[in-house]
Amino acid sequence: MNSSHLRTSLSELHNELVTLSSVDEKSRSALATLKDDIEAILDNSQDDLTQYHSSLSNSLTSAVRSFEVSHPTFTTTLNNVISTLNNLGI
């Protein structure tokens, strides 16, 4: 698995993220952080994504906790991105 697969997964996640509705203020803040982290990666043309590991990992973990009950499809996509990161060794 390579970074292009991660970028594809992040693009899918980003598309789902911008369409989420009915979230509380705490969740909205977590989404904003996650959205910023994803956009930073997608805007970066470098193949080395390890510099984003800590920030993205924290954002993803927080988002999973916030949305696992209320938005199961979104949580599935989050878990796919986490798996991709793990497969890349990030």
C-alpha atoms as a PDB file:
ATOM      1  CA  MET A   1       0.000   0.000   0.000  1.00  0.00           C
ATOM      2  CA  ASN A   2       1.387   3.400  -0.915  1.00  0.00           C
ATOM      3  CA  SER A   3       0.754   7.039  -0.216  1.00  0.00           C
ATOM      4  CA  SER A   4      -1.484   7.383  -3.292  1.00  0.00           C
ATOM      5  CA  HIS A   5      -3.903   4.921  -1.681  1.00  0.00           C
ATOM      6  CA  LEU A   6      -3.838   7.051   1.473  1.00  0.00           C
ATOM      7  CA  ARG A   7      -4.501  10.187  -0.543  1.00  0.00           C
ATOM      8  CA  THR A   8      -7.477   8.475  -2.197  1.00  0.00           C
ATOM      9  CA  SER A   9      -8.846   7.408   1.183  1.00  0.00           C
ATOM     10  CA  LEU A  10      -8.344  10.894   2.575  1.00  0.00           C
ATOM     11  CA  SER A  11     -10.136  12.414  -0.413  1.00  0.00           C
ATOM     12  CA  GLU A  12     -13.097  10.106   0.193  1.00  0.00           C
ATOM     13  CA  LEU A  13     -13.059  10.997   3.878  1.00  0.00           C
ATOM     14  CA  HIS A  14     -12.892  14.696   3.067  1.00  0.00           C
ATOM     15  CA  ASN A  15     -15.896  14.397   0.738  1.00  0.00           C
ATOM     16  CA  GLU A  16     -17.923  12.682   3.459  1.00  0.00           C
ATOM     17  CA  LEU A  17     -16.756  15.164   6.061  1.00  0.00           C
ATOM     18  CA  VAL A  18     -17.995  18.217   4.192  1.00  0.00           C
ATOM     19  CA  THR A  19     -21.465  16.686   3.792  1.00  0.00           C
ATOM     20  CA  LEU A  20     -22.000  15.783   7.448  1.00  0.00           C
ATOM     21  CA  SER A  21     -24.881  17.559   9.080  1.00  0.00           C
ATOM     22  CA  SER A  22     -26.483  17.678  12.507  1.00  0.00           C
ATOM     23  CA  VAL A  23     -23.343  17.729  14.640  1.00  0.00           C
ATOM     24  CA  ASP A  24     -22.873  19.443  17.972  1.00  0.00           C
ATOM     25  CA  GLU A  25     -20.304  22.194  18.599  1.00  0.00           C
ATOM     26  CA  LYS A  26     -17.684  19.840  20.085  1.00  0.00           C
ATOM     27  CA  SER A  27     -17.981  17.507  17.111  1.00  0.00           C
ATOM     28  CA  ARG A  28     -17.897  20.436  14.708  1.00  0.00           C
ATOM     29  CA  SER A  29     -14.572  21.525  16.264  1.00  0.00           C
ATOM     30  CA  ALA A  30     -13.146  18.002  15.893  1.00  0.00           C
ATOM     31  CA  LEU A  31     -14.299  17.953  12.268  1.00  0.00           C
ATOM     32  CA  ALA A  32     -12.682  21.309  11.563  1.00  0.00           C
ATOM     33  CA  THR A  33      -9.346  20.051  12.895  1.00  0.00           C
ATOM     34  CA  LEU A  34      -9.644  16.832  10.918  1.00  0.00           C
ATOM     35  CA  LYS A  35     -10.597  18.740   7.767  1.00  0.00           C
ATOM     36  CA  ASP A  36      -7.565  21.037   8.140  1.00  0.00           C
ATOM     37  CA  ASP A  37      -5.236  18.060   8.659  1.00  0.00           C
ATOM     38  CA  ILE A  38      -6.610  16.270   5.597  1.00  0.00           C
ATOM     39  CA  GLU A  39      -6.382  19.368   3.425  1.00  0.00           C
ATOM     40  CA  ALA A  40      -2.762  19.904   4.491  1.00  0.00           C
ATOM     41  CA  ILE A  41      -1.899  16.395   3.348  1.00  0.00           C
ATOM     42  CA  LEU A  42      -3.852  16.597   0.100  1.00  0.00           C
ATOM     43  CA  ASP A  43      -2.305  19.961  -0.741  1.00  0.00           C
ATOM     44  CA  ASN A  44       1.199  18.630  -0.125  1.00  0.00           C
ATOM     45  CA  SER A  45       2.810  17.013  -3.151  1.00  0.00           C
ATOM     46  CA  GLN A  46       5.471  15.186  -1.113  1.00  0.00           C
ATOM     47  CA  ASP A  47       5.298  11.419  -0.825  1.00  0.00           C
ATOM     48  CA  ASP A  48       6.585  11.493   2.765  1.00  0.00           C
ATOM     49  CA  LEU A  49       3.455  11.797   4.858  1.00  0.00           C
ATOM     50  CA  THR A  50       5.042  10.826   8.174  1.00  0.00           C
ATOM     51  CA  GLN A  51       5.280  14.477   9.214  1.00  0.00           C
ATOM     52  CA  TYR A  52       1.484  14.500   9.527  1.00  0.00           C
ATOM     53  CA  HIS A  53       1.227  11.281  11.551  1.00  0.00           C
ATOM     54  CA  SER A  54       0.697  12.682  15.041  1.00  0.00           C
ATOM     55  CA  SER A  55      -1.793  15.390  14.163  1.00  0.00           C
ATOM     56  CA  LEU A  56      -3.814  13.223  11.793  1.00  0.00           C
ATOM     57  CA  SER A  57      -3.780  10.235  14.120  1.00  0.00           C
ATOM     58  CA  ASN A  58      -5.106  12.323  17.002  1.00  0.00           C
ATOM     59  CA  SER A  59      -7.782  13.901  14.811  1.00  0.00           C
ATOM     60  CA  LEU A  60      -8.923  10.550  13.423  1.00  0.00           C
ATOM     61  CA  THR A  61      -9.088   8.916  16.844  1.00  0.00           C
ATOM     62  CA  SER A  62     -11.076  11.816  18.241  1.00  0.00           C
ATOM     63  CA  ALA A  63     -13.464  11.759  15.303  1.00  0.00           C
ATOM     64  CA  VAL A  64     -14.079   8.012  15.632  1.00  0.00           C
ATOM     65  CA  ARG A  65     -15.032   8.469  19.279  1.00  0.00           C
ATOM     66  CA  SER A  66     -17.313  11.394  18.455  1.00  0.00           C
ATOM     67  CA  PHE A  67     -19.154   9.814  15.535  1.00  0.00           C
ATOM     68  CA  GLU A  68     -19.214   6.046  16.015  1.00  0.00           C
ATOM     69  CA  VAL A  69     -22.854   6.048  17.143  1.00  0.00           C
ATOM     70  CA  SER A  70     -24.324   9.021  15.316  1.00  0.00           C
ATOM     71  CA  HIS A  71     -22.598   8.616  11.918  1.00  0.00           C
ATOM     72  CA  PRO A  72     -21.622   4.952  11.363  1.00  0.00           C
ATOM     73  CA  THR A  73     -20.825   5.338   7.651  1.00  0.00           C
ATOM     74  CA  PHE A  74     -18.469   8.201   8.358  1.00  0.00           C
ATOM     75  CA  THR A  75     -16.857   6.169  11.151  1.00  0.00           C
ATOM     76  CA  THR A  76     -16.297   3.269   8.751  1.00  0.00           C
ATOM     77  CA  THR A  77     -14.452   5.600   6.395  1.00  0.00           C
ATOM     78  CA  LEU A  78     -12.399   6.941   9.310  1.00  0.00           C
ATOM     79  CA  ASN A  79     -11.448   3.404  10.287  1.00  0.00           C
ATOM     80  CA  ASN A  80     -10.423   2.672   6.684  1.00  0.00           C
ATOM     81  CA  VAL A  81      -8.059   5.651   6.749  1.00  0.00           C
ATOM     82  CA  ILE A  82      -6.627   4.525  10.094  1.00  0.00           C
ATOM     83  CA  SER A  83      -6.050   1.045   8.629  1.00  0.00           C
ATOM     84  CA  THR A  84      -4.349   2.552   5.592  1.00  0.00           C
ATOM     85  CA  LEU A  85      -2.071   4.578   7.846  1.00  0.00           C
ATOM     86  CA  ASN A  86      -1.214   1.465   9.839  1.00  0.00           C
ATOM     87  CA  ASN A  87      -0.471  -0.492   6.661  1.00  0.00           C
ATOM     88  CA  LEU A  88       1.855   2.278   5.553  1.00  0.00           C
ATOM     89  CA  GLY A  89       3.623   2.133   8.899  1.00  0.00           C
ATOM     90  CA  ILE A  90       2.558   5.673   9.767  1.00  0.00           C
END
